[in-house]
Amino acid sequence: MAKELTKQELHNLAMNVVGKDLEKKGFEFLGVNSDIKANPQFVALKNKKLHFVVVRAILYPENPKNVDRIYMESMKSHATKFNAETFYAGVGIANASNYELPVTHEENYIINYDGWQEI
């Protein structure tokens, strides 16, 4: 029987997607925390500006662009103390053969990600 990915494993997949995107865009990592309960996951620097990036793995059929506004406002308030900009990066993940099935170790998956949103 196919073993489903845990919430932490799904989160790690999302972290890899966002981390590669940040690298490609020239960000310098000051802090990375892949613990699912930690926020923000990335503290990064670009053009002398601090960026806090919150990463979420979102399973189909949920929309990865939907932001928990109340939570993100509290994160933005925290970031302001450090003169940092706050971003949300939702990464959609689904089973490639059938979106209705769970994401497992044995099967391919599809990523739905088109960047982060400023909060």
C-alpha atoms as a PDB file:
ATOM      1  CA  MET A   1       0.000   0.000   0.000  1.00  0.00           C
ATOM      2  CA  ALA A   2       1.270   3.472  -0.922  1.00  0.00           C
ATOM      3  CA  LYS A   3       2.574   5.497   2.015  1.00  0.00           C
ATOM      4  CA  GLU A   4       1.183   9.036   2.216  1.00  0.00           C
ATOM      5  CA  LEU A   5       3.521  11.956   2.726  1.00  0.00           C
ATOM      6  CA  THR A   6       3.272  13.430   6.229  1.00  0.00           C
ATOM      7  CA  LYS A   7       2.371  17.100   6.769  1.00  0.00           C
ATOM      8  CA  GLN A   8       6.055  17.791   7.495  1.00  0.00           C
ATOM      9  CA  GLU A   9       7.149  16.036   4.261  1.00  0.00           C
ATOM     10  CA  LEU A  10       4.615  18.059   2.251  1.00  0.00           C
ATOM     11  CA  HIS A  11       5.872  21.205   3.982  1.00  0.00           C
ATOM     12  CA  ASN A  12       9.471  20.279   3.081  1.00  0.00           C
ATOM     13  CA  LEU A  13       8.456  19.913  -0.591  1.00  0.00           C
ATOM     14  CA  ALA A  14       6.907  23.390  -0.473  1.00  0.00           C
ATOM     15  CA  MET A  15      10.033  24.778   1.236  1.00  0.00           C
ATOM     16  CA  ASN A  16      12.218  23.373  -1.570  1.00  0.00           C
ATOM     17  CA  VAL A  17      10.037  24.987  -4.257  1.00  0.00           C
ATOM     18  CA  VAL A  18      10.058  28.410  -2.573  1.00  0.00           C
ATOM     19  CA  GLY A  19      13.738  28.195  -1.595  1.00  0.00           C
ATOM     20  CA  LYS A  20      14.787  27.522  -5.205  1.00  0.00           C
ATOM     21  CA  ASP A  21      12.620  30.432  -6.350  1.00  0.00           C
ATOM     22  CA  LEU A  22      14.221  32.795  -3.812  1.00  0.00           C
ATOM     23  CA  GLU A  23      17.716  31.634  -4.832  1.00  0.00           C
ATOM     24  CA  LYS A  24      16.933  32.123  -8.521  1.00  0.00           C
ATOM     25  CA  LYS A  25      15.782  35.672  -7.764  1.00  0.00           C
ATOM     26  CA  GLY A  26      19.038  36.509  -5.980  1.00  0.00           C
ATOM     27  CA  PHE A  27      17.958  36.436  -2.341  1.00  0.00           C
ATOM     28  CA  GLU A  28      20.522  35.776   0.387  1.00  0.00           C
ATOM     29  CA  PHE A  29      19.262  33.499   3.175  1.00  0.00           C
ATOM     30  CA  LEU A  30      19.793  34.822   6.688  1.00  0.00           C
ATOM     31  CA  GLY A  31      17.575  32.209   8.310  1.00  0.00           C
ATOM     32  CA  VAL A  32      15.742  29.091   7.188  1.00  0.00           C
ATOM     33  CA  ASN A  33      13.451  27.093   9.449  1.00  0.00           C
ATOM     34  CA  SER A  34      11.679  24.137   7.885  1.00  0.00           C
ATOM     35  CA  ASP A  35       9.802  23.191  11.061  1.00  0.00           C
ATOM     36  CA  ILE A  36       6.121  23.171  10.103  1.00  0.00           C
ATOM     37  CA  LYS A  37       5.228  25.183  13.220  1.00  0.00           C
ATOM     38  CA  ALA A  38       7.909  27.861  12.725  1.00  0.00           C
ATOM     39  CA  ASN A  39       7.166  31.199  11.080  1.00  0.00           C
ATOM     40  CA  PRO A  40       8.504  32.743   8.955  1.00  0.00           C
ATOM     41  CA  GLN A  41      10.218  29.876   7.171  1.00  0.00           C
ATOM     42  CA  PHE A  42      12.634  32.142   5.307  1.00  0.00           C
ATOM     43  CA  VAL A  43      14.327  35.333   6.432  1.00  0.00           C
ATOM     44  CA  ALA A  44      16.099  36.615   3.345  1.00  0.00           C
ATOM     45  CA  LEU A  45      17.928  39.704   2.203  1.00  0.00           C
ATOM     46  CA  LYS A  46      17.881  41.392  -1.188  1.00  0.00           C
ATOM     47  CA  ASN A  47      19.045  44.910  -2.024  1.00  0.00           C
ATOM     48  CA  LYS A  48      19.690  45.490   1.703  1.00  0.00           C
ATOM     49  CA  LYS A  49      15.978  44.872   2.404  1.00  0.00           C
ATOM     50  CA  LEU A  50      14.824  42.175   4.832  1.00  0.00           C
ATOM     51  CA  HIS A  51      12.070  39.783   3.686  1.00  0.00           C
ATOM     52  CA  PHE A  52      10.022  37.400   5.842  1.00  0.00           C
ATOM     53  CA  VAL A  53       8.495  34.573   3.771  1.00  0.00           C
ATOM     54  CA  VAL A  54       5.803  32.296   5.197  1.00  0.00           C
ATOM     55  CA  VAL A  55       5.488  29.003   3.289  1.00  0.00           C
ATOM     56  CA  ARG A  56       2.413  26.755   3.258  1.00  0.00           C
ATOM     57  CA  ALA A  57       1.915  23.394   1.557  1.00  0.00           C
ATOM     58  CA  ILE A  58      -1.692  23.329   0.319  1.00  0.00           C
ATOM     59  CA  LEU A  59      -3.313  20.075  -0.762  1.00  0.00           C
ATOM     60  CA  TYR A  60      -5.766  19.899  -3.656  1.00  0.00           C
ATOM     61  CA  PRO A  61      -8.619  20.997  -3.834  1.00  0.00           C
ATOM     62  CA  GLU A  62      -7.666  23.972  -1.629  1.00  0.00           C
ATOM     63  CA  ASN A  63      -6.401  27.059  -3.475  1.00  0.00           C
ATOM     64  CA  PRO A  64      -2.725  27.825  -2.648  1.00  0.00           C
ATOM     65  CA  LYS A  65      -3.386  31.538  -3.248  1.00  0.00           C
ATOM     66  CA  ASN A  66      -5.862  31.778  -0.355  1.00  0.00           C
ATOM     67  CA  VAL A  67      -4.158  33.579   2.509  1.00  0.00           C
ATOM     68  CA  ASP A  68      -5.042  33.390   6.193  1.00  0.00           C
ATOM     69  CA  ARG A  69      -5.330  37.193   6.437  1.00  0.00           C
ATOM     70  CA  ILE A  70      -5.665  37.346  10.224  1.00  0.00           C
ATOM     71  CA  TYR A  71      -2.548  35.250  10.794  1.00  0.00           C
ATOM     72  CA  MET A  72      -0.565  37.069   8.094  1.00  0.00           C
ATOM     73  CA  GLU A  73      -1.451  40.462   9.566  1.00  0.00           C
ATOM     74  CA  SER A  74       0.095  39.339  12.875  1.00  0.00           C
ATOM     75  CA  MET A  75       3.200  38.172  10.970  1.00  0.00           C
ATOM     76  CA  LYS A  76       3.330  41.530   9.148  1.00  0.00           C
ATOM     77  CA  SER A  77       3.143  43.339  12.478  1.00  0.00           C
ATOM     78  CA  HIS A  78       6.082  41.214  13.708  1.00  0.00           C
ATOM     79  CA  ALA A  79       8.060  41.904  10.514  1.00  0.00           C
ATOM     80  CA  THR A  80       7.500  45.654  10.845  1.00  0.00           C
ATOM     81  CA  LYS A  81       9.524  45.621  14.078  1.00  0.00           C
ATOM     82  CA  PHE A  82      12.481  44.459  11.980  1.00  0.00           C
ATOM     83  CA  ASN A  83      11.703  46.803   9.065  1.00  0.00           C
ATOM     84  CA  ALA A  84      11.021  43.688   6.952  1.00  0.00           C
ATOM     85  CA  GLU A  85       8.582  43.050   4.138  1.00  0.00           C
ATOM     86  CA  THR A  86       6.212  40.094   4.575  1.00  0.00           C
ATOM     87  CA  PHE A  87       5.329  37.545   1.910  1.00  0.00           C
ATOM     88  CA  TYR A  88       3.062  34.496   1.701  1.00  0.00           C
ATOM     89  CA  ALA A  89       4.055  31.573  -0.523  1.00  0.00           C
ATOM     90  CA  GLY A  90       1.356  28.944  -0.963  1.00  0.00           C
ATOM     91  CA  VAL A  91       2.461  25.807  -2.789  1.00  0.00           C
ATOM     92  CA  GLY A  92      -0.308  23.584  -4.128  1.00  0.00           C
ATOM     93  CA  ILE A  93       0.470  19.852  -4.171  1.00  0.00           C
ATOM     94  CA  ALA A  94      -1.616  17.084  -5.746  1.00  0.00           C
ATOM     95  CA  ASN A  95      -1.263  13.450  -6.802  1.00  0.00           C
ATOM     96  CA  ALA A  96      -0.289  13.549 -10.501  1.00  0.00           C
ATOM     97  CA  SER A  97      -2.369  10.559 -11.602  1.00  0.00           C
ATOM     98  CA  ASN A  98      -5.560  11.533  -9.759  1.00  0.00           C
ATOM     99  CA  TYR A  99      -5.965  14.820  -7.899  1.00  0.00           C
ATOM    100  CA  GLU A 100      -8.497  13.180  -5.569  1.00  0.00           C
ATOM    101  CA  LEU A 101      -5.928  10.654  -4.266  1.00  0.00           C
ATOM    102  CA  PRO A 102      -3.447  11.434  -1.491  1.00  0.00           C
ATOM    103  CA  VAL A 103       0.147  12.391  -2.295  1.00  0.00           C
ATOM    104  CA  THR A 104       2.335   9.337  -1.677  1.00  0.00           C
ATOM    105  CA  HIS A 105       6.002   8.357  -1.741  1.00  0.00           C
ATOM    106  CA  GLU A 106       5.405   5.923  -4.607  1.00  0.00           C
ATOM    107  CA  GLU A 107       3.629   8.239  -7.058  1.00  0.00           C
ATOM    108  CA  ASN A 108       4.408  11.442  -8.901  1.00  0.00           C
ATOM    109  CA  TYR A 109       2.945  14.709  -7.719  1.00  0.00           C
ATOM    110  CA  ILE A 110       2.110  18.043  -9.328  1.00  0.00           C
ATOM    111  CA  ILE A 111       3.128  21.426  -7.928  1.00  0.00           C
ATOM    112  CA  ASN A 112       0.935  24.515  -8.354  1.00  0.00           C
ATOM    113  CA  TYR A 113       3.126  27.524  -7.542  1.00  0.00           C
ATOM    114  CA  ASP A 114       3.481  30.844  -9.256  1.00  0.00           C
ATOM    115  CA  GLY A 115       5.344  32.954  -6.747  1.00  0.00           C
ATOM    116  CA  TRP A 116       4.665  34.662  -3.476  1.00  0.00           C
ATOM    117  CA  GLN A 117       2.289  37.432  -2.521  1.00  0.00           C
ATOM    118  CA  GLU A 118       3.248  40.508  -0.548  1.00  0.00           C
ATOM    119  CA  ILE A 119       1.173  41.028   2.574  1.00  0.00           C
END
